Amino acid sequence: MGIPETVGSFNVLASNCPALERMAICNTDTVGDSELVFIAAKFTSLKKLCIKNCPISDTGVKSVGEGCPSLVKLKVKRCRGVTKASVCTAFLHNSCDAQLSPSRN
């Protein structure tokens, strides 16, 4: 995005792009579970989401799974607070291709 990813910046994005279908969030400490809850509430048309190296947890993944019914692909890479079980469980209700890559220690 080129700006700090926060609830405020996601709100501006949601206002201007309500039908956004793809989003990638990479290498930022400003996106956590509260931002994922916001994304789940505002970006219901989201089909593909990639999250890489962000301080999220199973709670955030669950909220995306519940709030993004159109999601068909989720990639979670190097997010230490996320388990494979949560990624798989969050998407049992639809045909999402969920992928979790291990975090580097």
Protein backbone atom coordinates (compact mmCIF):
# COMPACT_ATOMS: atom_id res chain seq x y z
CA MET A 1 0.00 0.00 0.00
CA GLY A 2 2.83 2.41 0.67
CA ILE A 3 1.20 3.65 3.88
CA PRO A 4 1.12 2.13 7.36
CA GLU A 5 -1.49 -0.62 7.45
CA THR A 6 -3.80 0.23 10.32
CA VAL A 7 -7.55 0.08 10.89
CA GLY A 8 -7.67 3.71 9.75
CA SER A 9 -5.92 3.07 6.44
CA PHE A 10 -7.97 -0.09 5.86
CA ASN A 11 -11.10 1.98 6.49
CA VAL A 12 -10.10 4.42 3.72
CA LEU A 13 -9.39 1.47 1.42
CA ALA A 14 -12.76 -0.13 2.24
CA SER A 15 -14.57 3.13 1.54
CA ASN A 16 -12.91 3.52 -1.86
CA CYS A 17 -12.71 -0.16 -2.89
CA PRO A 18 -15.69 -1.95 -1.33
CA ALA A 19 -15.53 -4.82 -3.85
CA LEU A 20 -11.80 -5.52 -3.41
CA GLU A 21 -11.08 -9.16 -4.24
CA ARG A 22 -7.33 -9.53 -3.58
CA MET A 23 -5.13 -8.33 -0.76
CA ALA A 24 -1.53 -8.99 0.27
CA ILE A 25 -0.19 -7.85 3.62
CA CYS A 26 3.54 -8.39 4.03
CA ASN A 27 6.28 -7.68 6.53
CA THR A 28 4.53 -5.26 8.84
CA ASP A 29 4.21 -5.07 12.59
CA THR A 30 1.10 -2.89 12.34
CA VAL A 31 -1.27 -5.64 11.21
CA GLY A 32 -2.50 -7.87 13.99
CA ASP A 33 -5.73 -9.58 14.96
CA SER A 34 -7.73 -6.34 15.32
CA GLU A 35 -6.87 -5.40 11.73
CA LEU A 36 -7.92 -8.87 10.53
CA VAL A 37 -11.23 -8.51 12.36
CA PHE A 38 -11.73 -5.21 10.54
CA ILE A 39 -10.79 -6.76 7.19
CA ALA A 40 -13.28 -9.57 7.79
CA ALA A 41 -16.03 -7.07 8.53
CA LYS A 42 -15.39 -4.64 5.67
CA PHE A 43 -13.95 -6.71 2.81
CA THR A 44 -16.63 -9.36 2.38
CA SER A 45 -15.92 -9.65 -1.38
CA LEU A 46 -12.32 -10.70 -0.70
CA LYS A 47 -11.40 -13.83 -2.67
CA LYS A 48 -7.64 -14.05 -2.10
CA LEU A 49 -5.66 -13.01 0.95
CA CYS A 50 -1.95 -13.40 1.56
CA ILE A 51 -0.48 -12.53 4.95
CA LYS A 52 3.27 -12.77 5.39
CA ASN A 53 5.42 -12.10 8.45
CA CYS A 54 2.79 -10.29 10.52
CA PRO A 55 2.02 -10.58 14.26
CA ILE A 56 -1.33 -12.33 13.88
CA SER A 57 -2.77 -15.30 15.75
CA ASP A 58 -5.38 -18.01 15.34
CA THR A 59 -8.00 -15.50 16.51
CA GLY A 60 -7.40 -13.24 13.51
CA VAL A 61 -7.44 -16.16 11.09
CA LYS A 62 -10.74 -17.35 12.55
CA SER A 63 -12.31 -13.92 12.07
CA VAL A 64 -11.26 -13.86 8.41
CA GLY A 65 -12.71 -17.34 7.92
CA GLU A 66 -16.02 -16.29 9.40
CA GLY A 67 -16.24 -12.85 7.80
CA CYS A 68 -15.06 -13.45 4.24
CA PRO A 69 -17.53 -15.89 2.66
CA SER A 70 -16.11 -15.39 -0.86
CA LEU A 71 -12.55 -16.30 0.16
CA VAL A 72 -11.13 -19.06 -2.05
CA LYS A 73 -7.43 -18.75 -1.21
CA LEU A 74 -5.61 -17.89 2.00
CA LYS A 75 -1.83 -17.91 2.34
CA VAL A 76 -0.26 -17.39 5.73
CA LYS A 77 3.53 -17.33 5.74
CA ARG A 78 5.93 -16.81 8.62
CA CYS A 79 3.29 -15.66 11.10
CA ARG A 80 4.42 -17.20 14.38
CA GLY A 81 1.10 -17.00 16.19
CA VAL A 82 -0.85 -19.05 13.65
CA THR A 83 -1.26 -22.81 13.70
CA LYS A 84 -2.07 -25.05 10.77
CA ALA A 85 -5.09 -26.36 12.65
CA SER A 86 -6.63 -22.89 12.87
CA VAL A 87 -6.10 -22.22 9.17
CA CYS A 88 -7.72 -25.52 8.22
CA THR A 89 -10.57 -25.25 10.74
CA ALA A 90 -11.44 -21.68 9.77
CA PHE A 91 -12.15 -22.73 6.20
CA LEU A 92 -14.02 -26.00 6.58
CA HIS A 93 -17.24 -24.17 5.73
CA ASN A 94 -16.15 -23.28 2.19
CA SER A 95 -13.78 -24.48 -0.52
CA CYS A 96 -10.88 -22.23 0.46
CA ASP A 97 -7.36 -23.29 -0.45
CA ALA A 98 -5.64 -22.56 2.84
CA GLN A 99 -1.84 -22.65 3.00
CA LEU A 100 0.38 -22.15 6.02
CA SER A 101 4.14 -21.84 5.68
CA PRO A 102 6.24 -22.22 8.81
CA SER A 103 7.76 -19.23 10.53
CA ARG A 104 11.51 -18.88 10.63
CA ASN A 105 13.05 -19.17 14.05
